[in-house]
Amino acid sequence: MDENAPLLVIVDAANVVGSVPDGWWRDRRGAAERLRDRLAADGVPGRPGPVEIVLVVEGSARGVESVPDVRVEAAPGSGDDHIVALAGRAGDRPVLVVTADRELRRRVGELGAEVAGPRTVRPS
C-alpha cells in the first residue's frame, strides 16, 4: 500500500442517504446534493491529511454535479458494481468505502479496502 498516496474515500450515496429517515425518498437528487455539500464542507471526520472523495450516485440522483473537493460519479448501472470497480482500480492507494451494505462491504473488503458505516460521514 502506498502510504503517501491520498486516501480514496468512496461514498455509497444511496446507502448513506437512506440511513436516516428524513424524507430523502421525496427528493433523492436533493438528498444526494446535500450529502455532497456536507462532504465538501466537513470532509471525512477523523481522517486528517489528504483525501480524495468520490460520491457514487445512481438512479434518480444521476445528474448531481461535482464540486470542489468532491467528485461525483453516476453509476452507469449498479452503484455497488461501480464502487467495486473504483476500489479495484485504486491500485496501491488506501481506500475507504462508506456503506452499510453487507454484500458491498464484503466485495470491497476482498479487494483490500477498509469499510465504514454511514455515520462516518453522516453522524445524525
C-alpha atoms as a PDB file:
ATOM      1  CA  MET A   1       0.000   0.000   0.000  1.00  0.00           C
ATOM      2  CA  ASP A   2       1.283   3.440  -0.931  1.00  0.00           C
ATOM      3  CA  GLU A   3       1.176   5.293   2.398  1.00  0.00           C
ATOM      4  CA  ASN A   4       1.995   8.603   0.651  1.00  0.00           C
ATOM      5  CA  ALA A   5      -0.987   8.466  -1.695  1.00  0.00           C
ATOM      6  CA  PRO A   6      -4.085  10.346  -0.588  1.00  0.00           C
ATOM      7  CA  LEU A   7      -6.800   8.189   0.900  1.00  0.00           C
ATOM      8  CA  LEU A   8      -9.514   7.430  -1.662  1.00  0.00           C
ATOM      9  CA  VAL A   9     -12.888   7.678   0.071  1.00  0.00           C
ATOM     10  CA  ILE A  10     -15.742   6.192  -1.948  1.00  0.00           C
ATOM     11  CA  VAL A  11     -19.183   7.026  -0.576  1.00  0.00           C
ATOM     12  CA  ASP A  12     -22.244   4.946  -1.466  1.00  0.00           C
ATOM     13  CA  ALA A  13     -24.678   7.872  -1.752  1.00  0.00           C
ATOM     14  CA  ALA A  14     -27.875   5.824  -1.888  1.00  0.00           C
ATOM     15  CA  ASN A  15     -26.933   3.812   1.174  1.00  0.00           C
ATOM     16  CA  VAL A  16     -25.700   6.752   3.240  1.00  0.00           C
ATOM     17  CA  VAL A  17     -28.682   8.951   2.334  1.00  0.00           C
ATOM     18  CA  GLY A  18     -31.034   6.065   3.076  1.00  0.00           C
ATOM     19  CA  SER A  19     -29.563   5.527   6.529  1.00  0.00           C
ATOM     20  CA  VAL A  20     -31.585   8.371   8.046  1.00  0.00           C
ATOM     21  CA  PRO A  21     -35.382   8.530   7.598  1.00  0.00           C
ATOM     22  CA  ASP A  22     -35.539  12.274   6.929  1.00  0.00           C
ATOM     23  CA  GLY A  23     -37.800  12.238   3.868  1.00  0.00           C
ATOM     24  CA  TRP A  24     -34.954  11.675   1.380  1.00  0.00           C
ATOM     25  CA  TRP A  25     -37.227   9.475  -0.747  1.00  0.00           C
ATOM     26  CA  ARG A  26     -39.257  12.521  -1.805  1.00  0.00           C
ATOM     27  CA  ASP A  27     -36.190  14.137  -3.389  1.00  0.00           C
ATOM     28  CA  ARG A  28     -33.373  11.645  -3.936  1.00  0.00           C
ATOM     29  CA  ARG A  29     -31.338  14.041  -6.036  1.00  0.00           C
ATOM     30  CA  GLY A  30     -31.650  16.826  -3.455  1.00  0.00           C
ATOM     31  CA  ALA A  31     -30.643  14.412  -0.692  1.00  0.00           C
ATOM     32  CA  ALA A  32     -27.544  13.385  -2.669  1.00  0.00           C
ATOM     33  CA  GLU A  33     -26.683  17.061  -3.235  1.00  0.00           C
ATOM     34  CA  ARG A  34     -26.976  17.782   0.498  1.00  0.00           C
ATOM     35  CA  LEU A  35     -24.675  14.828   1.237  1.00  0.00           C
ATOM     36  CA  ARG A  36     -22.208  16.067  -1.387  1.00  0.00           C
ATOM     37  CA  ASP A  37     -22.235  19.535   0.159  1.00  0.00           C
ATOM     38  CA  ARG A  38     -21.712  18.123   3.670  1.00  0.00           C
ATOM     39  CA  LEU A  39     -18.753  16.093   2.404  1.00  0.00           C
ATOM     40  CA  ALA A  40     -17.290  19.176   0.703  1.00  0.00           C
ATOM     41  CA  ALA A  41     -17.654  21.232   3.893  1.00  0.00           C
ATOM     42  CA  ASP A  42     -16.684  18.631   6.512  1.00  0.00           C
ATOM     43  CA  GLY A  43     -14.572  16.093   4.641  1.00  0.00           C
ATOM     44  CA  VAL A  44     -14.297  12.780   6.463  1.00  0.00           C
ATOM     45  CA  PRO A  45     -14.152  13.381  10.215  1.00  0.00           C
ATOM     46  CA  GLY A  46     -11.253  11.597  11.873  1.00  0.00           C
ATOM     47  CA  ARG A  47      -9.351  11.237   8.605  1.00  0.00           C
ATOM     48  CA  PRO A  48      -6.775  14.029   8.576  1.00  0.00           C
ATOM     49  CA  GLY A  49      -4.442  14.512   5.687  1.00  0.00           C
ATOM     50  CA  PRO A  50      -5.114  14.485   2.019  1.00  0.00           C
ATOM     51  CA  VAL A  51      -8.216  12.624   0.902  1.00  0.00           C
ATOM     52  CA  GLU A  52      -9.944  12.258  -2.422  1.00  0.00           C
ATOM     53  CA  ILE A  53     -13.706  11.912  -2.005  1.00  0.00           C
ATOM     54  CA  VAL A  54     -15.821  10.205  -4.663  1.00  0.00           C
ATOM     55  CA  LEU A  55     -19.597  10.175  -4.195  1.00  0.00           C
ATOM     56  CA  VAL A  56     -21.241   7.435  -6.261  1.00  0.00           C
ATOM     57  CA  VAL A  57     -24.842   8.173  -7.236  1.00  0.00           C
ATOM     58  CA  GLU A  58     -27.375   6.088  -9.120  1.00  0.00           C
ATOM     59  CA  GLY A  59     -30.993   6.171 -10.247  1.00  0.00           C
ATOM     60  CA  SER A  60     -32.788   9.484  -9.887  1.00  0.00           C
ATOM     61  CA  ALA A  61     -29.719  11.022  -8.232  1.00  0.00           C
ATOM     62  CA  ARG A  62     -27.812  10.856 -11.532  1.00  0.00           C
ATOM     63  CA  GLY A  63     -27.023  14.347 -12.713  1.00  0.00           C
ATOM     64  CA  VAL A  64     -25.684  15.580  -9.379  1.00  0.00           C
ATOM     65  CA  GLU A  65     -22.634  17.674 -10.258  1.00  0.00           C
ATOM     66  CA  SER A  66     -19.168  17.510  -8.769  1.00  0.00           C
ATOM     67  CA  VAL A  67     -17.968  20.369  -6.577  1.00  0.00           C
ATOM     68  CA  PRO A  68     -14.509  21.294  -5.338  1.00  0.00           C
ATOM     69  CA  ASP A  69     -13.273  18.532  -3.014  1.00  0.00           C
ATOM     70  CA  VAL A  70     -15.993  16.012  -4.012  1.00  0.00           C
ATOM     71  CA  ARG A  71     -16.083  14.203  -7.342  1.00  0.00           C
ATOM     72  CA  VAL A  72     -19.495  12.807  -8.149  1.00  0.00           C
ATOM     73  CA  GLU A  73     -19.713   9.743 -10.372  1.00  0.00           C
ATOM     74  CA  ALA A  74     -23.005   8.482 -11.759  1.00  0.00           C
ATOM     75  CA  ALA A  75     -23.021   4.707 -11.871  1.00  0.00           C
ATOM     76  CA  PRO A  76     -23.896   3.551 -15.396  1.00  0.00           C
ATOM     77  CA  GLY A  77     -25.686   0.548 -13.883  1.00  0.00           C
ATOM     78  CA  SER A  78     -25.481  -0.792 -10.348  1.00  0.00           C
ATOM     79  CA  GLY A  79     -23.987   1.637  -7.859  1.00  0.00           C
ATOM     80  CA  ASP A  80     -22.439  -1.273  -5.976  1.00  0.00           C
ATOM     81  CA  ASP A  81     -20.727  -2.579  -9.105  1.00  0.00           C
ATOM     82  CA  HIS A  82     -19.345   0.880  -9.847  1.00  0.00           C
ATOM     83  CA  ILE A  83     -17.994   1.219  -6.310  1.00  0.00           C
ATOM     84  CA  VAL A  84     -16.288  -2.175  -6.592  1.00  0.00           C
ATOM     85  CA  ALA A  85     -14.755  -1.138  -9.926  1.00  0.00           C
ATOM     86  CA  LEU A  86     -13.436   2.131  -8.436  1.00  0.00           C
ATOM     87  CA  ALA A  87     -11.946   0.287  -5.468  1.00  0.00           C
ATOM     88  CA  GLY A  88     -10.400  -2.273  -7.803  1.00  0.00           C
ATOM     89  CA  ARG A  89      -8.751   0.418  -9.943  1.00  0.00           C
ATOM     90  CA  ALA A  90      -7.205   2.172  -6.928  1.00  0.00           C
ATOM     91  CA  GLY A  91      -4.032   0.116  -7.165  1.00  0.00           C
ATOM     92  CA  ASP A  92      -1.764   0.640  -4.155  1.00  0.00           C
ATOM     93  CA  ARG A  93      -3.752   3.583  -2.787  1.00  0.00           C
ATOM     94  CA  PRO A  94      -5.502   3.199   0.540  1.00  0.00           C
ATOM     95  CA  VAL A  95      -9.275   3.006   0.021  1.00  0.00           C
ATOM     96  CA  LEU A  96     -12.150   3.594   2.421  1.00  0.00           C
ATOM     97  CA  VAL A  97     -15.662   2.666   1.259  1.00  0.00           C
ATOM     98  CA  VAL A  98     -18.525   4.191   3.229  1.00  0.00           C
ATOM     99  CA  THR A  99     -21.633   1.988   3.150  1.00  0.00           C
ATOM    100  CA  ALA A 100     -23.758  -0.213   5.381  1.00  0.00           C
ATOM    101  CA  ASP A 101     -24.494  -2.672   2.574  1.00  0.00           C
ATOM    102  CA  ARG A 102     -23.143  -6.019   3.811  1.00  0.00           C
ATOM    103  CA  GLU A 103     -22.561  -7.553   0.401  1.00  0.00           C
ATOM    104  CA  LEU A 104     -20.786  -4.432  -0.866  1.00  0.00           C
ATOM    105  CA  ARG A 105     -18.653  -4.353   2.275  1.00  0.00           C
ATOM    106  CA  ARG A 106     -17.653  -7.967   1.622  1.00  0.00           C
ATOM    107  CA  ARG A 107     -16.846  -7.323  -2.041  1.00  0.00           C
ATOM    108  CA  VAL A 108     -14.627  -4.274  -1.463  1.00  0.00           C
ATOM    109  CA  GLY A 109     -13.073  -5.868   1.612  1.00  0.00           C
ATOM    110  CA  GLU A 110     -11.850  -8.700  -0.601  1.00  0.00           C
ATOM    111  CA  LEU A 111     -10.050  -6.036  -2.651  1.00  0.00           C
ATOM    112  CA  GLY A 112      -8.284  -4.738   0.450  1.00  0.00           C
ATOM    113  CA  ALA A 113     -10.470  -1.688   1.034  1.00  0.00           C
ATOM    114  CA  GLU A 114     -11.308  -0.527   4.525  1.00  0.00           C
ATOM    115  CA  VAL A 115     -15.036  -0.185   5.147  1.00  0.00           C
ATOM    116  CA  ALA A 116     -17.003   2.112   7.433  1.00  0.00           C
ATOM    117  CA  GLY A 117     -20.657   2.781   8.076  1.00  0.00           C
ATOM    118  CA  PRO A 118     -22.733   5.832   7.114  1.00  0.00           C
ATOM    119  CA  ARG A 119     -22.152   7.537  10.475  1.00  0.00           C
ATOM    120  CA  THR A 120     -18.565   8.065   9.360  1.00  0.00           C
ATOM    121  CA  VAL A 121     -19.805  10.892   7.124  1.00  0.00           C
ATOM    122  CA  ARG A 122     -23.342  11.440   8.395  1.00  0.00           C
ATOM    123  CA  PRO A 123     -23.338  11.479  12.176  1.00  0.00           C
ATOM    124  CA  SER A 124     -27.072  12.096  12.531  1.00  0.00           C
END
